[in-house]
Amino acid sequence: MAARVPLPVTLLLVAALALQVGYQAMRAPQPPTAAGLEPAPPLAVLRLASLGEPVALAKAMTVYVQGQDEAATPLGAIDYSALRTWLDRIVELDPRGQAPLLAASQVYSASADPARTRIMLDFVHQRFGEDPDRRWPWLAHAALVARHRLHDPALARQYAHAIRTRTTAGVLPAWARQMELFILDDMGEDESAKTLIGAMLASGQVSDPRELALLEQRLHNISVRQRRVHP
């Protein structure tokens, strides 16, 4: 059962939606969007509607967006371009909130339409760059979706590379640091994998003795495999 929304939050949402109605009415006529989800109002309009409480408005908007799929609306009927504008605005109003990135990477990315899935993954990737140390888990999930649902290892590697290179040293667990390496192994890119391991060992970004030993063992295994293929 959904949690009861506090009255101030409800009032903020009502104000925001009223402004949205006025904003949409002033725009040129647009074709109706699926599932009744119109593009979100501009950020400036929402800041005005927030009455100085942008985080509260962001939470109210999250409830509103969640209501689109909770109303028995299949993901394939939701206008993902409009949906992305709502997720963008929620993040802009509440940069520390994680709900939009969680929803994009784990809920809306489950669409059967690859184009819709890519819209959500691109949203996560773009927003990751603004706060890598806090948002990397969602991009890690996006990398898994790209590899196993979209069957796009190049995109998965792009995300894994961003996670490894754009986060602060010491933030990532070993599995996240090595995600790019796992994807290269999966792609059969032995030379690239060897280069990456060498760079990780030389850079000093890995200090745990067990992880160092595992990387050295992986490097040895790749070399052995290459000698068998090209004796």
C-alpha atoms as a PDB file:
ATOM      1  CA  MET A   1       0.000   0.000   0.000  1.00  0.00           C
ATOM      2  CA  ALA A   2       1.448   3.385  -1.031  1.00  0.00           C
ATOM      3  CA  ALA A   3       2.623   5.741   1.716  1.00  0.00           C
ATOM      4  CA  ARG A   4       0.389   8.745   2.454  1.00  0.00           C
ATOM      5  CA  VAL A   5       1.758  11.905   0.860  1.00  0.00           C
ATOM      6  CA  PRO A   6       2.086  14.842   3.315  1.00  0.00           C
ATOM      7  CA  LEU A   7      -0.280  17.754   2.648  1.00  0.00           C
ATOM      8  CA  PRO A   8       2.481  20.327   1.934  1.00  0.00           C
ATOM      9  CA  VAL A   9       3.965  18.012  -0.676  1.00  0.00           C
ATOM     10  CA  THR A  10       0.543  17.488  -2.235  1.00  0.00           C
ATOM     11  CA  LEU A  11      -0.008  21.238  -2.420  1.00  0.00           C
ATOM     12  CA  LEU A  12       3.357  21.705  -4.083  1.00  0.00           C
ATOM     13  CA  LEU A  13       2.504  19.073  -6.658  1.00  0.00           C
ATOM     14  CA  VAL A  14      -0.857  20.688  -7.341  1.00  0.00           C
ATOM     15  CA  ALA A  15       0.864  24.037  -7.847  1.00  0.00           C
ATOM     16  CA  ALA A  16       3.430  22.487 -10.169  1.00  0.00           C
ATOM     17  CA  LEU A  17       0.801  20.709 -12.222  1.00  0.00           C
ATOM     18  CA  ALA A  18      -1.251  23.887 -12.448  1.00  0.00           C
ATOM     19  CA  LEU A  19       1.787  25.690 -13.787  1.00  0.00           C
ATOM     20  CA  GLN A  20       2.361  22.822 -16.189  1.00  0.00           C
ATOM     21  CA  VAL A  21      -1.189  23.139 -17.515  1.00  0.00           C
ATOM     22  CA  GLY A  22      -0.684  26.853 -18.066  1.00  0.00           C
ATOM     23  CA  TYR A  23       2.697  26.286 -19.676  1.00  0.00           C
ATOM     24  CA  GLN A  24       1.350  23.618 -22.024  1.00  0.00           C
ATOM     25  CA  ALA A  25      -1.615  25.812 -22.945  1.00  0.00           C
ATOM     26  CA  MET A  26       0.740  28.594 -24.090  1.00  0.00           C
ATOM     27  CA  ARG A  27       2.770  26.229 -26.268  1.00  0.00           C
ATOM     28  CA  ALA A  28       1.951  25.438 -29.887  1.00  0.00           C
ATOM     29  CA  PRO A  29      -0.423  22.458 -30.210  1.00  0.00           C
ATOM     30  CA  GLN A  30       1.427  19.148 -29.841  1.00  0.00           C
ATOM     31  CA  PRO A  31       0.354  15.617 -30.779  1.00  0.00           C
ATOM     32  CA  PRO A  32      -1.056  13.800 -27.726  1.00  0.00           C
ATOM     33  CA  THR A  33       1.536  11.691 -25.930  1.00  0.00           C
ATOM     34  CA  ALA A  34       1.073   8.109 -24.825  1.00  0.00           C
ATOM     35  CA  ALA A  35      -0.283   7.375 -21.367  1.00  0.00           C
ATOM     36  CA  GLY A  36      -1.128  11.064 -20.871  1.00  0.00           C
ATOM     37  CA  LEU A  37       2.395  12.024 -19.733  1.00  0.00           C
ATOM     38  CA  GLU A  38       3.262  15.437 -21.135  1.00  0.00           C
ATOM     39  CA  PRO A  39       6.845  16.762 -21.087  1.00  0.00           C
ATOM     40  CA  ALA A  40       7.744  18.309 -17.745  1.00  0.00           C
ATOM     41  CA  PRO A  41       7.660  22.102 -17.362  1.00  0.00           C
ATOM     42  CA  PRO A  42      10.946  24.030 -17.587  1.00  0.00           C
ATOM     43  CA  LEU A  43      13.136  24.029 -14.496  1.00  0.00           C
ATOM     44  CA  ALA A  44      12.557  27.748 -13.924  1.00  0.00           C
ATOM     45  CA  VAL A  45       8.804  27.184 -13.776  1.00  0.00           C
ATOM     46  CA  LEU A  46       9.224  24.343 -11.304  1.00  0.00           C
ATOM     47  CA  ARG A  47      11.538  26.364  -9.066  1.00  0.00           C
ATOM     48  CA  LEU A  48       8.866  29.039  -8.926  1.00  0.00           C
ATOM     49  CA  ALA A  49       6.240  26.419  -8.084  1.00  0.00           C
ATOM     50  CA  SER A  50       8.403  24.895  -5.350  1.00  0.00           C
ATOM     51  CA  LEU A  51       7.956  27.934  -3.072  1.00  0.00           C
ATOM     52  CA  GLY A  52      11.522  27.479  -1.879  1.00  0.00           C
ATOM     53  CA  GLU A  53      11.109  23.725  -1.255  1.00  0.00           C
ATOM     54  CA  PRO A  54      12.629  22.084  -4.361  1.00  0.00           C
ATOM     55  CA  VAL A  55      13.295  18.743  -2.642  1.00  0.00           C
ATOM     56  CA  ALA A  56       9.678  18.452  -1.513  1.00  0.00           C
ATOM     57  CA  LEU A  57       8.486  19.226  -5.034  1.00  0.00           C
ATOM     58  CA  ALA A  58      10.902  16.642  -6.451  1.00  0.00           C
ATOM     59  CA  LYS A  59       9.419  14.000  -4.142  1.00  0.00           C
ATOM     60  CA  ALA A  60       5.891  14.966  -5.178  1.00  0.00           C
ATOM     61  CA  MET A  61       6.872  14.751  -8.841  1.00  0.00           C
ATOM     62  CA  THR A  62       8.351  11.308  -8.217  1.00  0.00           C
ATOM     63  CA  VAL A  63       5.013  10.160  -6.797  1.00  0.00           C
ATOM     64  CA  TYR A  64       3.242  11.604  -9.844  1.00  0.00           C
ATOM     65  CA  VAL A  65       5.548   9.825 -12.316  1.00  0.00           C
ATOM     66  CA  GLN A  66       5.281   6.538 -10.424  1.00  0.00           C
ATOM     67  CA  GLY A  67       1.532   6.838 -10.753  1.00  0.00           C
ATOM     68  CA  GLN A  68       1.865   6.544 -14.522  1.00  0.00           C
ATOM     69  CA  ASP A  69       2.979   2.908 -14.390  1.00  0.00           C
ATOM     70  CA  GLU A  70       1.116   2.025 -11.194  1.00  0.00           C
ATOM     71  CA  ALA A  71      -2.137   2.763 -13.069  1.00  0.00           C
ATOM     72  CA  ALA A  72      -1.727  -0.510 -14.979  1.00  0.00           C
ATOM     73  CA  THR A  73       0.004   1.338 -17.827  1.00  0.00           C
ATOM     74  CA  PRO A  74       2.436  -0.953 -19.665  1.00  0.00           C
ATOM     75  CA  LEU A  75       5.954   0.413 -20.128  1.00  0.00           C
ATOM     76  CA  GLY A  76       5.477   0.240 -23.884  1.00  0.00           C
ATOM     77  CA  ALA A  77       2.651   2.798 -23.683  1.00  0.00           C
ATOM     78  CA  ILE A  78       4.628   5.430 -21.777  1.00  0.00           C
ATOM     79  CA  ASP A  79       6.193   8.259 -23.774  1.00  0.00           C
ATOM     80  CA  TYR A  80       9.832   7.766 -22.766  1.00  0.00           C
ATOM     81  CA  SER A  81      10.953  11.108 -24.181  1.00  0.00           C
ATOM     82  CA  ALA A  82       8.431  12.868 -21.942  1.00  0.00           C
ATOM     83  CA  LEU A  83       9.329  10.554 -19.057  1.00  0.00           C
ATOM     84  CA  ARG A  84      12.969  11.522 -19.353  1.00  0.00           C
ATOM     85  CA  THR A  85      12.120  15.206 -19.007  1.00  0.00           C
ATOM     86  CA  TRP A  86      10.394  14.443 -15.694  1.00  0.00           C
ATOM     87  CA  LEU A  87      13.347  12.419 -14.440  1.00  0.00           C
ATOM     88  CA  ASP A  88      15.714  15.212 -15.488  1.00  0.00           C
ATOM     89  CA  ARG A  89      13.697  17.838 -13.644  1.00  0.00           C
ATOM     90  CA  ILE A  90      13.478  15.699 -10.502  1.00  0.00           C
ATOM     91  CA  VAL A  91      17.267  15.298 -10.447  1.00  0.00           C
ATOM     92  CA  GLU A  92      17.756  19.014 -11.056  1.00  0.00           C
ATOM     93  CA  LEU A  93      15.458  19.896  -8.163  1.00  0.00           C
ATOM     94  CA  ASP A  94      16.983  17.301  -5.821  1.00  0.00           C
ATOM     95  CA  PRO A  95      20.545  16.448  -6.958  1.00  0.00           C
ATOM     96  CA  ARG A  96      21.156  14.175  -3.964  1.00  0.00           C
ATOM     97  CA  GLY A  97      18.047  12.096  -4.576  1.00  0.00           C
ATOM     98  CA  GLN A  98      18.623   8.649  -6.047  1.00  0.00           C
ATOM     99  CA  ALA A  99      15.062   7.644  -6.965  1.00  0.00           C
ATOM    100  CA  PRO A 100      15.116   8.833 -10.616  1.00  0.00           C
ATOM    101  CA  LEU A 101      18.351   6.985 -11.381  1.00  0.00           C
ATOM    102  CA  LEU A 102      17.142   3.845  -9.640  1.00  0.00           C
ATOM    103  CA  ALA A 103      13.861   3.948 -11.562  1.00  0.00           C
ATOM    104  CA  ALA A 104      15.578   4.580 -14.895  1.00  0.00           C
ATOM    105  CA  SER A 105      18.208   1.850 -14.518  1.00  0.00           C
ATOM    106  CA  GLN A 106      16.099  -0.848 -12.887  1.00  0.00           C
ATOM    107  CA  VAL A 107      12.433  -0.195 -13.748  1.00  0.00           C
ATOM    108  CA  TYR A 108      12.027   1.733 -16.985  1.00  0.00           C
ATOM    109  CA  SER A 109      15.048   0.067 -18.635  1.00  0.00           C
ATOM    110  CA  ALA A 110      13.028  -3.178 -18.554  1.00  0.00           C
ATOM    111  CA  SER A 111      10.999  -2.030 -21.580  1.00  0.00           C
ATOM    112  CA  ALA A 112      10.812  -4.571 -24.403  1.00  0.00           C
ATOM    113  CA  ASP A 113      11.625  -1.742 -26.837  1.00  0.00           C
ATOM    114  CA  PRO A 114      15.431  -1.303 -27.146  1.00  0.00           C
ATOM    115  CA  ALA A 115      14.996   2.342 -28.168  1.00  0.00           C
ATOM    116  CA  ARG A 116      13.143   3.104 -24.941  1.00  0.00           C
ATOM    117  CA  THR A 117      15.742   1.230 -22.921  1.00  0.00           C
ATOM    118  CA  ARG A 118      18.518   3.280 -24.516  1.00  0.00           C
ATOM    119  CA  ILE A 119      16.755   6.518 -23.558  1.00  0.00           C
ATOM    120  CA  MET A 120      16.871   5.465 -19.914  1.00  0.00           C
ATOM    121  CA  LEU A 121      20.473   4.249 -20.046  1.00  0.00           C
ATOM    122  CA  ASP A 122      21.571   7.493 -21.690  1.00  0.00           C
ATOM    123  CA  PHE A 123      19.801   9.447 -18.950  1.00  0.00           C
ATOM    124  CA  VAL A 124      21.698   7.498 -16.269  1.00  0.00           C
ATOM    125  CA  HIS A 125      25.020   7.944 -18.081  1.00  0.00           C
ATOM    126  CA  GLN A 126      24.534  11.687 -18.509  1.00  0.00           C
ATOM    127  CA  ARG A 127      23.527  12.253 -14.892  1.00  0.00           C
ATOM    128  CA  PHE A 128      26.308   9.980 -13.598  1.00  0.00           C
ATOM    129  CA  GLY A 129      28.858  12.500 -14.850  1.00  0.00           C
ATOM    130  CA  GLU A 130      27.533  15.166 -12.483  1.00  0.00           C
ATOM    131  CA  ASP A 131      28.180  13.120  -9.326  1.00  0.00           C
ATOM    132  CA  PRO A 132      30.170   9.962 -10.174  1.00  0.00           C
ATOM    133  CA  ASP A 133      31.046   8.989  -6.609  1.00  0.00           C
ATOM    134  CA  ARG A 134      27.391   8.738  -5.575  1.00  0.00           C
ATOM    135  CA  ARG A 135      25.774   7.661  -8.832  1.00  0.00           C
ATOM    136  CA  TRP A 136      28.114   4.936 -10.066  1.00  0.00           C
ATOM    137  CA  PRO A 137      25.899   2.030  -8.821  1.00  0.00           C
ATOM    138  CA  TRP A 138      23.153   3.053 -11.255  1.00  0.00           C
ATOM    139  CA  LEU A 139      25.581   3.251 -14.175  1.00  0.00           C
ATOM    140  CA  ALA A 140      26.938  -0.167 -13.189  1.00  0.00           C
ATOM    141  CA  HIS A 141      23.420  -1.556 -13.474  1.00  0.00           C
ATOM    142  CA  ALA A 142      23.040   0.250 -16.803  1.00  0.00           C
ATOM    143  CA  ALA A 143      26.207  -1.487 -18.026  1.00  0.00           C
ATOM    144  CA  LEU A 144      24.694  -4.864 -17.164  1.00  0.00           C
ATOM    145  CA  VAL A 145      21.484  -3.951 -18.997  1.00  0.00           C
ATOM    146  CA  ALA A 146      23.493  -2.852 -22.040  1.00  0.00           C
ATOM    147  CA  ARG A 147      25.460  -6.096 -22.083  1.00  0.00           C
ATOM    148  CA  HIS A 148      22.781  -8.665 -21.319  1.00  0.00           C
ATOM    149  CA  ARG A 149      19.515  -7.078 -22.464  1.00  0.00           C
ATOM    150  CA  LEU A 150      20.630  -4.928 -25.378  1.00  0.00           C
ATOM    151  CA  HIS A 151      23.523  -7.248 -26.277  1.00  0.00           C
ATOM    152  CA  ASP A 152      25.678  -4.170 -26.841  1.00  0.00           C
ATOM    153  CA  PRO A 153      29.072  -4.925 -25.263  1.00  0.00           C
ATOM    154  CA  ALA A 154      30.615  -1.737 -26.662  1.00  0.00           C
ATOM    155  CA  LEU A 155      28.066   0.385 -24.801  1.00  0.00           C
ATOM    156  CA  ALA A 156      28.522  -1.715 -21.674  1.00  0.00           C
ATOM    157  CA  ARG A 157      32.270  -1.167 -21.863  1.00  0.00           C
ATOM    158  CA  GLN A 158      31.766   2.592 -22.316  1.00  0.00           C
ATOM    159  CA  TYR A 159      29.786   2.724 -19.086  1.00  0.00           C
ATOM    160  CA  ALA A 160      32.225   0.488 -17.204  1.00  0.00           C
ATOM    161  CA  HIS A 161      35.146   2.622 -18.395  1.00  0.00           C
ATOM    162  CA  ALA A 162      33.405   5.765 -17.160  1.00  0.00           C
ATOM    163  CA  ILE A 163      32.859   4.169 -13.749  1.00  0.00           C
ATOM    164  CA  ARG A 164      36.517   3.164 -13.451  1.00  0.00           C
ATOM    165  CA  THR A 165      38.034   6.428 -14.651  1.00  0.00           C
ATOM    166  CA  ARG A 166      35.689   9.115 -13.315  1.00  0.00           C
ATOM    167  CA  THR A 167      35.218   8.080  -9.690  1.00  0.00           C
ATOM    168  CA  THR A 168      37.515   9.060  -6.845  1.00  0.00           C
ATOM    169  CA  ALA A 169      40.182   6.553  -5.815  1.00  0.00           C
ATOM    170  CA  GLY A 170      38.964   4.304  -3.021  1.00  0.00           C
ATOM    171  CA  VAL A 171      35.259   4.751  -3.775  1.00  0.00           C
ATOM    172  CA  LEU A 172      34.684   1.648  -5.900  1.00  0.00           C
ATOM    173  CA  PRO A 173      34.611  -1.951  -4.675  1.00  0.00           C
ATOM    174  CA  ALA A 174      36.844  -4.385  -6.537  1.00  0.00           C
ATOM    175  CA  TRP A 175      34.060  -5.798  -8.730  1.00  0.00           C
ATOM    176  CA  ALA A 176      33.141  -2.320 -10.021  1.00  0.00           C
ATOM    177  CA  ARG A 177      36.782  -1.433 -10.716  1.00  0.00           C
ATOM    178  CA  GLN A 178      37.144  -4.651 -12.706  1.00  0.00           C
ATOM    179  CA  MET A 179      33.808  -4.481 -14.554  1.00  0.00           C
ATOM    180  CA  GLU A 180      35.459  -3.167 -17.713  1.00  0.00           C
ATOM    181  CA  LEU A 181      37.906  -6.052 -17.572  1.00  0.00           C
ATOM    182  CA  PHE A 182      35.087  -8.593 -17.261  1.00  0.00           C
ATOM    183  CA  ILE A 183      33.390  -7.091 -20.321  1.00  0.00           C
ATOM    184  CA  LEU A 184      36.619  -7.203 -22.338  1.00  0.00           C
ATOM    185  CA  ASP A 185      37.033 -10.865 -21.399  1.00  0.00           C
ATOM    186  CA  ASP A 186      33.465 -11.486 -22.497  1.00  0.00           C
ATOM    187  CA  MET A 187      34.191  -9.765 -25.827  1.00  0.00           C
ATOM    188  CA  GLY A 188      37.346 -11.832 -26.353  1.00  0.00           C
ATOM    189  CA  GLU A 189      39.482  -8.672 -26.393  1.00  0.00           C
ATOM    190  CA  ASP A 190      42.588 -10.228 -24.852  1.00  0.00           C
ATOM    191  CA  GLU A 191      45.033  -7.498 -25.877  1.00  0.00           C
ATOM    192  CA  SER A 192      42.779  -4.752 -24.569  1.00  0.00           C
ATOM    193  CA  ALA A 193      42.298  -6.717 -21.351  1.00  0.00           C
ATOM    194  CA  LYS A 194      46.056  -7.086 -20.916  1.00  0.00           C
ATOM    195  CA  THR A 195      46.570  -3.379 -21.521  1.00  0.00           C
ATOM    196  CA  LEU A 196      43.897  -2.503 -18.987  1.00  0.00           C
ATOM    197  CA  ILE A 197      45.328  -4.819 -16.326  1.00  0.00           C
ATOM    198  CA  GLY A 198      48.787  -3.379 -16.907  1.00  0.00           C
ATOM    199  CA  ALA A 199      47.432   0.149 -16.541  1.00  0.00           C
ATOM    200  CA  MET A 200      45.565  -0.733 -13.346  1.00  0.00           C
ATOM    201  CA  LEU A 201      48.676  -2.311 -11.840  1.00  0.00           C
ATOM    202  CA  ALA A 202      50.941   0.573 -12.867  1.00  0.00           C
ATOM    203  CA  SER A 203      48.599   3.354 -11.781  1.00  0.00           C
ATOM    204  CA  GLY A 204      48.480   2.322  -8.132  1.00  0.00           C
ATOM    205  CA  GLN A 205      44.683   2.506  -8.080  1.00  0.00           C
ATOM    206  CA  VAL A 206      44.620  -1.064  -6.743  1.00  0.00           C
ATOM    207  CA  SER A 207      46.241  -1.523  -3.335  1.00  0.00           C
ATOM    208  CA  ASP A 208      44.524  -4.569  -1.851  1.00  0.00           C
ATOM    209  CA  PRO A 209      46.993  -7.518  -1.974  1.00  0.00           C
ATOM    210  CA  ARG A 210      44.255 -10.016  -2.851  1.00  0.00           C
ATOM    211  CA  GLU A 211      42.977  -7.900  -5.720  1.00  0.00           C
ATOM    212  CA  LEU A 212      46.519  -7.361  -6.971  1.00  0.00           C
ATOM    213  CA  ALA A 213      47.103 -11.108  -6.922  1.00  0.00           C
ATOM    214  CA  LEU A 214      43.865 -11.739  -8.831  1.00  0.00           C
ATOM    215  CA  LEU A 215      44.792  -9.200 -11.497  1.00  0.00           C
ATOM    216  CA  GLU A 216      48.245 -10.696 -11.887  1.00  0.00           C
ATOM    217  CA  GLN A 217      46.692 -14.159 -12.179  1.00  0.00           C
ATOM    218  CA  ARG A 218      44.254 -12.915 -14.833  1.00  0.00           C
ATOM    219  CA  LEU A 219      47.144 -11.378 -16.750  1.00  0.00           C
ATOM    220  CA  HIS A 220      48.997 -14.694 -16.597  1.00  0.00           C
ATOM    221  CA  ASN A 221      45.918 -16.640 -17.737  1.00  0.00           C
ATOM    222  CA  ILE A 222      45.415 -14.344 -20.721  1.00  0.00           C
ATOM    223  CA  SER A 223      49.050 -14.758 -21.747  1.00  0.00           C
ATOM    224  CA  VAL A 224      48.761 -18.548 -21.492  1.00  0.00           C
ATOM    225  CA  ARG A 225      45.562 -18.510 -23.551  1.00  0.00           C
ATOM    226  CA  GLN A 226      47.196 -16.371 -26.228  1.00  0.00           C
ATOM    227  CA  ARG A 227      50.202 -18.708 -26.479  1.00  0.00           C
ATOM    228  CA  ARG A 228      47.857 -21.648 -27.009  1.00  0.00           C
ATOM    229  CA  VAL A 229      46.047 -19.858 -29.825  1.00  0.00           C
ATOM    230  CA  HIS A 230      49.241 -18.456 -31.376  1.00  0.00           C
ATOM    231  CA  PRO A 231      52.065 -20.819 -30.360  1.00  0.00           C
END
